[in-house]
Amino acid sequence: MLLNTLFSLTSLAGLLAATPMQPTNPDLTLYKYAKDTWRSMNAMVEPATGLPADKVTGDLRTRAKVTSPTNIATYVWSTLTARDLGIIGAGDASRRVARVLDALDKLERNTPTGQFYNWYDPATLKLVRVWPDSGNPIQPFASSVDNGWLATALMMIPKAMPQHASKAGRLARSMNFASYYDPAARPDAGTGLLRGGFSPEKPEGCSVESDYAGTGTVVYSTCHHYGAPAETRIATYVGIALGQIPREHYFGIYRTFPDNACDWAWQDQKPVGSWKEHLGVKVWEGTYGYRGMRYVPNWGGSMFEELMPDLVVPESKWAPRSWGRNHPVFVQAQIEHGLREAKYGYWGFSPSNDPHGGYREYGVDPLGMDATGYTTDRERTTTDPGYEGCRPAQPEPAAYGDGVVTPHAGFLALPYAKKAAMENLAGLKKNFDAYGPGGFYDAVAVRSGVVSKWYLALDQGMVMAALGNVLARDNMRRYFGTPAVEAKLRPVMGLEEWDVKEKNVVPLVSQ
């Protein structure tokens, strides 16, 4: 059943077909972006199996030969949005989701934890053990965050497509996220954290032999835990919603690291905050500062770390005094950096294809907890505000280099700075060769003008989800945020009050 938007979808489609695009009508422009972005998502689909590839070339002709649980998730919710916006019919959408569910049933995964591995061949459904391009070996690895995204998509299907509820629900419930949970990770707080993932075979380098799921099957977990409030929190949400991880774990994730003398002086800056207690867990509720703003950072300072979970979990509604305050400030800080500090003329910094080759993390350095941080330019220009009494501040950069802006970051910002986001996207489209047959290409180096002419399932999927929420009445959040999920998450998420501060500025627009 098609959802209502600001216009009836029939009328909207008719307007698009009958009249030129009106730049003063933002929703018509966004609908055009959605239609084109769906074209790239559709081009990634392998005809033999119905699964998407990891990415496709800008001419929509050549697909990658691998896919991941996250890619599959973004394709599922893109299909739901395409249906809800009238881009494809309900029958077509249903058939697409049915094919995905059938394929998931055939994929090799870890038993008895039910977790999917990171890389499969979308044409054969076989586990990929050798990188197609380089020939380098790949060891099977189950990622907590990638499986978190796949479970999220599966949990959306029952409400979005009741005809597939049984199969999607069975698959979601078979995924045991307790397999990542280390209950002893935060003995100081009295709770645990999630590990990054595990391998069924002992890998090279650091690993921990573990059986966190209590299944009697040994796996080799990563030595690191997810302790920063980044996009990785999606696995926390899913694990709590499925009743597999204790809700206290939500407060085990650091907001910032504490300011205990110089013990934590490796973090980007000295936080300001105080100790609180929620559900018996001690929480240091700290914030960082940047150009008159205060906010809770993420690990690298990127937009997708902050806002990707917000695409499906209604964080601003369920956590109005924490995430609801943080998200708009984080967007404001990214705009401040791109337009005023680095003076790129554009903003929106997030991991993406590097226009000069490969894939790289981009973000605003002071918005991340990591002292070395992600950077916004290819030259890796960093800042260091110092750590009082432990590490001296360094001079501010004299200038920034070739800033890399990714359009998906602008789409993520739509709920919090719609006018600025649309001006930013329009500027990228007008002033660079940044828009192709499948919508915006993945990234633009705004000083050299070099464009990464690829479409990534991850990034295009974020664009589709963001557009669904704007044009189809929060469809992504409604499908995931069922009463059952809300009952598990909202009482936990709503407990905190972060001391976040916005900055009153006169907006600048892209050039």
Protein backbone atom coordinates (compact mmCIF):
# COMPACT_ATOMS: atom_id res chain seq x y z
CA MET A 1 0.00 0.00 0.00
CA LEU A 2 1.50 3.29 -1.06
CA LEU A 3 2.13 5.89 1.62
CA ASN A 4 0.97 9.48 1.45
CA THR A 5 3.59 12.20 1.04
CA LEU A 6 3.20 15.97 0.93
CA PHE A 7 1.62 15.43 -2.47
CA SER A 8 -0.33 12.41 -3.57
CA LEU A 9 2.17 10.20 -5.34
CA THR A 10 0.08 10.03 -8.47
CA SER A 11 -0.08 13.79 -8.70
CA LEU A 12 3.61 14.07 -7.92
CA ALA A 13 4.58 11.65 -10.67
CA GLY A 14 2.31 13.51 -13.06
CA LEU A 15 3.87 16.83 -12.20
CA LEU A 16 7.33 15.42 -12.80
CA ALA A 17 6.37 14.07 -16.19
CA ALA A 18 4.48 17.15 -17.33
CA THR A 19 6.54 20.09 -16.13
CA PRO A 20 10.21 21.07 -15.89
CA MET A 21 11.88 20.59 -12.51
CA GLN A 22 11.15 23.57 -10.30
CA PRO A 23 14.19 24.31 -8.10
CA THR A 24 12.00 26.24 -5.67
CA ASN A 25 10.01 23.10 -4.87
CA PRO A 26 12.27 21.02 -2.67
CA ASP A 27 10.15 17.89 -2.57
CA LEU A 28 9.98 17.64 -6.35
CA THR A 29 13.77 17.89 -6.44
CA LEU A 30 14.14 15.23 -3.77
CA TYR A 31 11.75 12.94 -5.60
CA LYS A 32 13.88 13.29 -8.74
CA TYR A 33 16.95 12.40 -6.68
CA ALA A 34 15.14 9.33 -5.36
CA LYS A 35 14.15 8.11 -8.84
CA ASP A 36 17.70 8.43 -10.10
CA THR A 37 19.28 6.92 -7.00
CA TRP A 38 16.97 3.92 -7.27
CA ARG A 39 18.27 3.42 -10.80
CA SER A 40 21.77 2.85 -9.39
CA MET A 41 20.49 0.48 -6.68
CA ASN A 42 18.61 -1.51 -9.31
CA ALA A 43 21.72 -1.67 -11.50
CA MET A 44 23.62 -3.36 -8.65
CA VAL A 45 21.19 -6.30 -8.50
CA GLU A 46 22.52 -9.62 -9.78
CA PRO A 47 19.81 -11.07 -12.06
CA ALA A 48 20.62 -14.68 -11.14
CA THR A 49 19.98 -14.29 -7.40
CA GLY A 50 18.32 -10.93 -6.71
CA LEU A 51 21.12 -9.82 -4.36
CA PRO A 52 22.88 -6.48 -4.82
CA ALA A 53 26.59 -6.08 -5.48
CA ASP A 54 28.79 -3.91 -3.29
CA LYS A 55 28.99 -1.20 -5.97
CA VAL A 56 28.57 -0.42 -9.66
CA THR A 57 30.44 1.81 -12.07
CA GLY A 58 29.05 5.25 -12.85
CA ASP A 59 27.75 4.11 -16.23
CA LEU A 60 25.70 1.42 -14.39
CA ARG A 61 27.27 -1.34 -16.48
CA THR A 62 29.83 -3.15 -14.30
CA ARG A 63 28.96 -4.56 -10.90
CA ALA A 64 31.41 -5.61 -8.18
CA LYS A 65 31.71 -9.35 -7.63
CA VAL A 66 31.12 -9.26 -3.88
CA THR A 67 28.33 -8.29 -1.52
CA SER A 68 27.92 -7.98 2.24
CA PRO A 69 25.13 -8.14 4.85
CA THR A 70 25.03 -4.34 4.93
CA ASN A 71 24.69 -4.11 1.14
CA ILE A 72 21.75 -6.51 1.31
CA ALA A 73 20.14 -4.46 4.07
CA THR A 74 20.42 -1.18 2.18
CA TYR A 75 18.91 -2.78 -0.92
CA VAL A 76 15.93 -4.08 1.07
CA TRP A 77 15.09 -0.71 2.57
CA SER A 78 15.74 1.04 -0.74
CA THR A 79 13.17 -1.30 -2.28
CA LEU A 80 10.66 -0.35 0.41
CA THR A 81 11.26 3.34 -0.22
CA ALA A 82 11.03 2.93 -4.00
CA ARG A 83 7.65 1.28 -3.50
CA ASP A 84 6.43 3.85 -1.01
CA LEU A 85 7.32 6.69 -3.39
CA GLY A 86 5.62 5.02 -6.35
CA ILE A 87 8.89 4.51 -8.24
CA ILE A 88 8.17 0.77 -8.51
CA GLY A 89 4.93 -1.13 -7.99
CA ALA A 90 3.96 -3.08 -4.89
CA GLY A 91 4.17 -6.40 -6.73
CA ASP A 92 7.64 -5.68 -8.05
CA ALA A 93 8.83 -4.70 -4.56
CA SER A 94 7.35 -7.85 -3.04
CA ARG A 95 9.07 -10.07 -5.59
CA ARG A 96 12.40 -8.36 -4.97
CA VAL A 97 12.20 -8.85 -1.20
CA ALA A 98 11.09 -12.46 -1.63
CA ARG A 99 14.18 -13.15 -3.75
CA VAL A 100 16.43 -11.60 -1.12
CA LEU A 101 14.88 -13.75 1.62
CA ASP A 102 15.27 -16.88 -0.50
CA ALA A 103 18.92 -16.03 -1.15
CA LEU A 104 19.61 -15.38 2.55
CA ASP A 105 18.30 -18.85 3.35
CA LYS A 106 20.97 -20.29 1.04
CA LEU A 107 23.99 -18.32 2.26
CA GLU A 108 26.56 -20.10 4.39
CA ARG A 109 26.68 -18.64 7.87
CA ASN A 110 28.07 -19.40 11.28
CA THR A 111 26.18 -22.00 13.26
CA PRO A 112 24.88 -22.02 15.88
CA THR A 113 25.16 -18.21 16.25
CA GLY A 114 23.26 -17.64 12.98
CA GLN A 115 25.56 -14.78 11.99
CA PHE A 116 26.28 -14.05 8.34
CA TYR A 117 29.81 -13.60 7.07
CA ASN A 118 31.07 -10.42 5.48
CA TRP A 119 31.59 -11.30 1.83
CA TYR A 120 29.57 -13.39 -0.61
CA ASP A 121 29.46 -13.70 -4.38
CA PRO A 122 26.07 -12.23 -5.36
CA ALA A 123 26.02 -14.30 -8.56
CA THR A 124 26.62 -17.72 -6.97
CA LEU A 125 25.76 -17.07 -3.29
CA LYS A 126 29.03 -18.72 -2.32
CA LEU A 127 31.26 -17.43 0.46
CA VAL A 128 34.10 -15.39 -1.03
CA ARG A 129 37.49 -16.64 0.12
CA VAL A 130 39.64 -14.82 -2.45
CA TRP A 131 39.31 -11.16 -3.45
CA PRO A 132 38.21 -11.15 -7.10
CA ASP A 133 40.46 -8.23 -8.08
CA SER A 134 43.68 -8.97 -6.20
CA GLY A 135 43.55 -12.70 -5.56
CA ASN A 136 44.35 -12.13 -1.89
CA PRO A 137 42.80 -14.64 0.54
CA ILE A 138 39.80 -13.70 2.69
CA GLN A 139 39.12 -15.38 5.99
CA PRO A 140 35.44 -15.72 6.92
CA PHE A 141 34.49 -13.02 9.42
CA ALA A 142 31.18 -12.22 11.07
CA SER A 143 30.82 -8.51 11.85
CA SER A 144 28.57 -7.29 14.63
CA VAL A 145 27.75 -4.03 12.86
CA ASP A 146 27.17 -5.59 9.41
CA ASN A 147 24.91 -8.23 10.89
CA GLY A 148 23.22 -5.47 12.86
CA TRP A 149 22.24 -3.71 9.65
CA LEU A 150 20.98 -6.90 8.05
CA ALA A 151 18.88 -7.74 11.11
CA THR A 152 17.51 -4.19 11.04
CA ALA A 153 16.24 -4.67 7.49
CA LEU A 154 14.73 -8.04 8.37
CA MET A 155 12.95 -6.49 11.37
CA MET A 156 11.43 -3.83 9.09
CA ILE A 157 9.86 -6.30 6.69
CA PRO A 158 6.99 -7.63 8.86
CA LYS A 159 5.41 -4.19 9.14
CA ALA A 160 6.36 -3.03 5.65
CA MET A 161 5.43 -6.28 3.86
CA PRO A 162 3.28 -8.52 6.08
CA GLN A 163 3.22 -11.21 3.37
CA HIS A 164 6.91 -11.86 4.12
CA ALA A 165 6.68 -11.48 7.90
CA SER A 166 7.10 -15.14 8.76
CA LYS A 167 10.29 -15.72 6.80
CA ALA A 168 11.89 -12.38 7.68
CA GLY A 169 11.05 -12.83 11.35
CA ARG A 170 12.50 -16.33 11.42
CA LEU A 171 15.76 -15.13 9.89
CA ALA A 172 16.05 -12.19 12.29
CA ARG A 173 15.37 -14.32 15.36
CA SER A 174 17.97 -16.89 14.25
CA MET A 175 20.73 -14.26 14.52
CA ASN A 176 22.19 -14.37 18.03
CA PHE A 177 23.90 -11.07 18.88
CA ALA A 178 24.97 -12.41 22.24
CA SER A 179 27.78 -14.01 20.25
CA TYR A 180 29.50 -10.59 20.20
CA TYR A 181 28.79 -9.55 23.77
CA ASP A 182 31.65 -9.49 26.26
CA PRO A 183 30.04 -8.99 29.69
CA ALA A 184 33.41 -8.26 31.33
CA ALA A 185 34.46 -5.47 28.96
CA ARG A 186 33.53 -2.61 31.35
CA PRO A 187 34.12 -3.89 34.89
CA ASP A 188 34.44 -0.26 36.01
CA ALA A 189 30.86 0.36 34.89
CA GLY A 190 29.39 -3.04 35.70
CA THR A 191 28.41 -3.92 32.15
CA GLY A 192 29.81 -5.19 28.86
CA LEU A 193 30.52 -4.15 25.28
CA LEU A 194 30.21 -5.69 21.84
CA ARG A 195 33.27 -6.97 20.06
CA GLY A 196 33.84 -6.03 16.44
CA GLY A 197 33.20 -9.57 15.29
CA PHE A 198 34.63 -13.07 15.13
CA SER A 199 36.16 -15.65 12.83
CA PRO A 200 35.36 -19.37 12.93
CA GLU A 201 39.05 -20.07 12.23
CA LYS A 202 41.99 -18.65 14.18
CA PRO A 203 43.16 -15.56 12.28
CA GLU A 204 46.59 -13.99 12.07
CA GLY A 205 47.15 -11.24 14.59
CA CYS A 206 45.25 -10.58 17.78
CA SER A 207 42.15 -12.64 18.60
CA VAL A 208 40.35 -13.90 21.68
CA GLU A 209 39.10 -17.48 21.88
CA SER A 210 35.55 -17.11 23.06
CA ASP A 211 32.11 -18.61 23.44
CA TYR A 212 29.99 -15.62 24.40
CA ALA A 213 26.83 -17.11 23.00
CA GLY A 214 27.07 -20.04 25.38
CA THR A 215 26.72 -22.48 22.50
CA GLY A 216 29.81 -24.55 23.15
CA THR A 217 31.24 -23.54 19.78
CA VAL A 218 34.57 -21.73 19.92
CA VAL A 219 35.04 -18.62 17.79
CA TYR A 220 37.94 -16.21 17.57
CA SER A 221 36.74 -12.73 18.46
CA THR A 222 38.42 -9.41 17.73
CA CYS A 223 40.52 -7.99 20.52
CA HIS A 224 38.81 -4.63 20.17
CA HIS A 225 35.36 -3.66 21.42
CA TYR A 226 32.99 -1.02 20.10
CA GLY A 227 33.20 1.60 22.82
CA ALA A 228 32.44 4.84 20.96
CA PRO A 229 28.94 6.08 20.05
CA ALA A 230 29.37 5.53 16.30
CA GLU A 231 27.24 3.78 13.64
CA THR A 232 28.22 0.53 15.37
CA ARG A 233 25.51 1.22 17.96
CA ILE A 234 23.02 -0.35 15.55
CA ALA A 235 24.11 -3.78 16.82
CA THR A 236 23.41 -2.58 20.36
CA TYR A 237 19.90 -1.48 19.39
CA VAL A 238 19.17 -4.76 17.60
CA GLY A 239 20.58 -6.94 20.37
CA ILE A 240 18.52 -5.16 23.04
CA ALA A 241 15.39 -5.14 20.86
CA LEU A 242 15.69 -8.90 20.29
CA GLY A 243 16.19 -9.49 24.01
CA GLN A 244 19.65 -11.01 23.48
CA ILE A 245 21.80 -8.33 25.13
CA PRO A 246 21.11 -6.67 28.51
CA ARG A 247 19.73 -3.16 28.20
CA GLU A 248 22.38 -1.92 30.64
CA HIS A 249 24.92 -2.41 27.86
CA TYR A 250 23.61 0.77 26.17
CA PHE A 251 25.27 2.76 28.95
CA GLY A 252 28.54 0.85 28.70
CA ILE A 253 29.35 2.70 25.46
CA TYR A 254 31.48 5.76 26.19
CA ARG A 255 29.97 9.16 25.44
CA THR A 256 33.51 10.52 25.71
CA PHE A 257 36.32 8.91 27.60
CA PRO A 258 36.65 10.33 31.14
CA ASP A 259 39.06 13.15 32.01
CA ASN A 260 40.97 11.19 34.71
CA ALA A 261 44.34 12.98 34.86
CA CYS A 262 46.36 11.93 31.78
CA ASP A 263 45.04 8.37 31.60
CA TRP A 264 42.79 9.23 28.68
CA ALA A 265 44.90 12.04 27.19
CA TRP A 266 45.24 10.16 23.90
CA GLN A 267 41.68 11.21 23.03
CA ASP A 268 41.19 14.24 20.81
CA GLN A 269 40.48 16.77 23.56
CA LYS A 270 39.71 17.04 27.25
CA PRO A 271 35.98 16.55 27.77
CA VAL A 272 33.71 18.54 30.05
CA GLY A 273 31.08 16.53 31.89
CA SER A 274 30.10 14.65 35.03
CA TRP A 275 29.39 11.14 36.24
CA LYS A 276 25.80 9.93 36.11
CA GLU A 277 24.18 6.59 36.84
CA HIS A 278 21.55 4.88 34.68
CA LEU A 279 20.18 1.41 35.36
CA GLY A 280 22.99 0.93 37.86
CA VAL A 281 25.70 1.74 35.30
CA LYS A 282 28.17 4.58 35.89
CA VAL A 283 28.30 6.85 32.82
CA TRP A 284 30.70 9.71 32.18
CA GLU A 285 28.46 12.12 30.26
CA GLY A 286 31.13 14.26 28.65
CA THR A 287 31.10 16.60 25.68
CA TYR A 288 33.71 18.10 23.37
CA GLY A 289 33.86 21.69 22.14
CA TYR A 290 34.31 23.13 18.66
CA ARG A 291 33.92 26.75 17.57
CA GLY A 292 31.33 27.64 20.20
CA MET A 293 29.44 24.31 20.09
CA ARG A 294 29.38 21.39 22.52
CA TYR A 295 28.49 17.85 21.45
CA VAL A 296 29.05 14.17 22.07
CA PRO A 297 31.60 13.04 19.44
CA ASN A 298 31.83 9.77 17.56
CA TRP A 299 35.04 7.89 16.76
CA GLY A 300 36.17 9.61 13.55
CA GLY A 301 33.99 12.70 13.24
CA SER A 302 32.06 11.49 10.18
CA MET A 303 28.44 12.08 9.29
CA PHE A 304 27.47 8.44 8.80
CA GLU A 305 28.82 7.47 12.24
CA GLU A 306 26.51 10.07 13.75
CA LEU A 307 23.40 9.71 11.61
CA MET A 308 23.18 6.32 9.89
CA PRO A 309 21.40 4.62 12.85
CA ASP A 310 19.02 7.60 12.97
CA LEU A 311 17.73 6.54 9.55
CA VAL A 312 15.89 3.60 11.09
CA VAL A 313 15.84 4.19 14.86
CA PRO A 314 13.87 7.35 15.73
CA GLU A 315 16.66 8.61 17.97
CA SER A 316 15.50 12.22 18.17
CA LYS A 317 12.05 11.09 19.29
CA TRP A 318 13.08 8.31 21.66
CA ALA A 319 16.11 10.16 23.07
CA PRO A 320 15.09 13.83 22.77
CA ARG A 321 17.49 15.10 25.44
CA SER A 322 20.54 13.22 24.14
CA TRP A 323 20.60 12.22 20.48
CA GLY A 324 17.80 14.67 19.75
CA ARG A 325 20.07 17.49 20.87
CA ASN A 326 23.28 16.08 19.43
CA HIS A 327 22.27 15.42 15.83
CA PRO A 328 21.50 19.03 14.81
CA VAL A 329 24.66 20.30 16.51
CA PHE A 330 26.76 17.69 14.73
CA VAL A 331 25.32 18.75 11.38
CA GLN A 332 25.91 22.39 12.25
CA ALA A 333 29.53 21.60 13.10
CA GLN A 334 30.09 19.86 9.75
CA ILE A 335 28.66 22.88 7.94
CA GLU A 336 30.81 25.20 10.06
CA HIS A 337 33.95 23.31 9.11
CA GLY A 338 33.23 23.02 5.40
CA LEU A 339 32.09 26.59 4.84
CA ARG A 340 33.84 28.70 7.48
CA GLU A 341 36.91 26.89 8.78
CA ALA A 342 38.24 25.00 5.75
CA LYS A 343 36.42 27.30 3.31
CA TYR A 344 35.75 24.53 0.80
CA GLY A 345 32.42 26.04 -0.21
CA TYR A 346 30.78 22.65 0.42
CA TRP A 347 30.32 20.25 3.31
CA GLY A 348 29.38 16.68 4.21
CA PHE A 349 32.31 14.49 5.25
CA SER A 350 31.98 10.74 5.62
CA PRO A 351 33.82 7.56 4.56
CA SER A 352 33.52 7.14 0.81
CA ASN A 353 35.33 6.18 -2.35
CA ASP A 354 38.40 8.37 -2.71
CA PRO A 355 38.09 10.36 -5.97
CA HIS A 356 41.79 9.66 -6.54
CA GLY A 357 41.42 5.91 -6.01
CA GLY A 358 40.47 3.42 -3.30
CA TYR A 359 38.21 3.92 -0.30
CA ARG A 360 38.98 6.20 2.65
CA GLU A 361 37.50 7.51 5.86
CA TYR A 362 36.68 11.21 5.82
CA GLY A 363 35.35 13.25 8.74
CA VAL A 364 35.84 16.46 10.70
CA ASP A 365 38.81 15.79 12.97
CA PRO A 366 37.62 17.64 16.15
CA LEU A 367 34.22 15.88 15.97
CA GLY A 368 35.90 12.52 16.59
CA MET A 369 37.31 10.92 19.73
CA ASP A 370 40.35 9.52 17.95
CA ALA A 371 43.20 12.04 18.36
CA THR A 372 44.59 11.34 14.90
CA GLY A 373 41.03 11.40 13.58
CA TYR A 374 39.53 11.29 10.13
CA THR A 375 40.27 14.35 8.04
CA THR A 376 38.30 16.27 5.43
CA ASP A 377 41.06 16.61 2.85
CA ARG A 378 43.32 14.22 0.99
CA GLU A 379 46.37 15.89 2.57
CA ARG A 380 45.21 14.68 6.01
CA THR A 381 45.27 18.11 7.60
CA THR A 382 44.67 17.59 11.33
CA THR A 383 44.04 19.77 14.34
CA ASP A 384 45.14 19.26 17.93
CA PRO A 385 43.48 21.38 20.63
CA GLY A 386 45.72 19.71 23.23
CA TYR A 387 44.79 18.13 26.54
CA GLU A 388 45.22 20.44 29.49
CA GLY A 389 48.13 19.39 31.68
CA CYS A 390 49.00 16.42 29.47
CA ARG A 391 49.44 17.45 25.84
CA PRO A 392 50.07 20.96 24.50
CA ALA A 393 47.82 22.41 21.82
CA GLN A 394 49.21 22.73 18.30
CA PRO A 395 48.79 25.75 16.00
CA GLU A 396 45.69 25.76 13.83
CA PRO A 397 46.29 24.72 10.21
CA ALA A 398 47.18 27.61 7.93
CA ALA A 399 45.00 26.10 5.20
CA TYR A 400 43.20 22.94 4.15
CA GLY A 401 43.86 20.96 0.99
CA ASP A 402 41.64 19.13 -1.47
CA GLY A 403 38.48 18.55 0.59
CA VAL A 404 36.49 15.44 -0.23
CA VAL A 405 32.71 15.82 0.08
CA THR A 406 30.31 12.90 -0.25
CA PRO A 407 26.68 13.59 -1.21
CA HIS A 408 25.27 10.88 1.06
CA ALA A 409 26.35 12.99 4.05
CA GLY A 410 24.18 15.85 2.83
CA PHE A 411 21.17 13.56 2.53
CA LEU A 412 21.70 12.32 6.09
CA ALA A 413 21.50 15.94 7.26
CA LEU A 414 18.07 16.59 5.70
CA PRO A 415 16.03 16.24 8.93
CA TYR A 416 18.25 18.76 10.73
CA ALA A 417 19.24 21.32 8.09
CA LYS A 418 17.04 20.76 5.06
CA LYS A 419 17.59 24.11 3.33
CA ALA A 420 21.35 24.02 3.82
CA ALA A 421 21.54 20.38 2.70
CA MET A 422 19.58 21.03 -0.48
CA GLU A 423 21.68 24.09 -1.34
CA ASN A 424 24.82 22.05 -0.76
CA LEU A 425 23.61 19.22 -3.03
CA ALA A 426 22.48 21.66 -5.69
CA GLY A 427 25.92 23.29 -5.65
CA LEU A 428 27.68 19.96 -6.08
CA LYS A 429 25.38 19.05 -8.95
CA LYS A 430 25.77 22.42 -10.69
CA ASN A 431 29.48 23.03 -10.27
CA PHE A 432 30.98 19.55 -10.72
CA ASP A 433 30.45 16.51 -12.90
CA ALA A 434 28.95 14.95 -9.79
CA TYR A 435 25.61 13.64 -11.06
CA GLY A 436 25.08 10.71 -13.38
CA PRO A 437 22.43 8.25 -14.52
CA GLY A 438 22.12 6.81 -11.01
CA GLY A 439 22.06 10.04 -9.07
CA PHE A 440 25.00 11.63 -7.27
CA TYR A 441 28.34 9.89 -7.71
CA ASP A 442 30.04 8.80 -4.52
CA ALA A 443 32.43 11.65 -3.76
CA VAL A 444 33.87 14.93 -5.05
CA ALA A 445 37.30 16.42 -4.35
CA VAL A 446 36.06 19.99 -4.40
CA ARG A 447 39.31 21.86 -5.06
CA SER A 448 40.70 19.64 -7.81
CA GLY A 449 37.24 18.83 -9.17
CA VAL A 450 38.04 15.11 -9.38
CA VAL A 451 34.92 12.92 -8.96
CA SER A 452 34.67 9.28 -7.87
CA LYS A 453 32.32 7.95 -10.53
CA TRP A 454 31.07 4.94 -8.61
CA TYR A 455 27.81 4.11 -6.89
CA LEU A 456 28.13 2.22 -3.59
CA ALA A 457 25.26 0.17 -2.18
CA LEU A 458 26.05 1.47 1.32
CA ASP A 459 26.01 5.13 0.38
CA GLN A 460 23.17 5.02 -2.15
CA GLY A 461 21.18 3.01 0.39
CA MET A 462 21.63 5.78 2.94
CA VAL A 463 20.41 8.29 0.36
CA MET A 464 17.27 6.20 -0.33
CA ALA A 465 16.52 5.76 3.37
CA ALA A 466 16.93 9.48 4.04
CA LEU A 467 14.64 10.35 1.15
CA GLY A 468 12.07 7.81 2.32
CA ASN A 469 11.92 9.43 5.74
CA VAL A 470 11.54 12.92 4.25
CA LEU A 471 9.04 12.09 1.50
CA ALA A 472 7.14 9.11 2.94
CA ARG A 473 6.38 10.16 6.51
CA ASP A 474 9.36 8.57 8.27
CA ASN A 475 8.74 5.22 6.60
CA MET A 476 12.10 3.73 7.61
CA ARG A 477 11.69 4.65 11.27
CA ARG A 478 8.07 3.49 11.35
CA TYR A 479 8.91 0.09 9.89
CA PHE A 480 11.68 -0.56 12.38
CA GLY A 481 10.20 1.27 15.39
CA THR A 482 7.29 -1.09 16.03
CA PRO A 483 5.57 -1.02 19.44
CA ALA A 484 7.54 -4.12 20.48
CA VAL A 485 10.89 -2.55 19.56
CA GLU A 486 9.90 0.79 21.07
CA ALA A 487 9.02 -0.91 24.36
CA LYS A 488 12.55 -2.32 24.58
CA LEU A 489 14.55 0.70 23.44
CA ARG A 490 12.72 3.93 24.24
CA PRO A 491 12.71 3.58 28.05
CA VAL A 492 16.49 3.09 27.95
CA MET A 493 17.37 5.72 25.34
CA GLY A 494 15.21 8.37 26.97
CA LEU A 495 17.00 8.39 30.32
CA GLU A 496 19.94 10.63 29.46
CA GLU A 497 20.29 14.40 29.20
CA TRP A 498 23.44 15.55 27.39
CA ASP A 499 24.85 19.04 27.93
CA VAL A 500 24.90 19.85 24.21
CA LYS A 501 25.12 23.43 22.94
CA GLU A 502 24.33 24.92 19.52
CA LYS A 503 25.94 28.02 18.08
CA ASN A 504 23.90 30.95 16.82
CA VAL A 505 25.32 31.74 13.39
CA VAL A 506 24.16 33.35 10.19
CA PRO A 507 23.95 30.48 7.68
CA LEU A 508 26.32 30.38 4.74
CA VAL A 509 25.39 28.61 1.53
CA SER A 510 27.43 26.58 -0.92
CA GLN A 511 29.09 28.50 -3.71
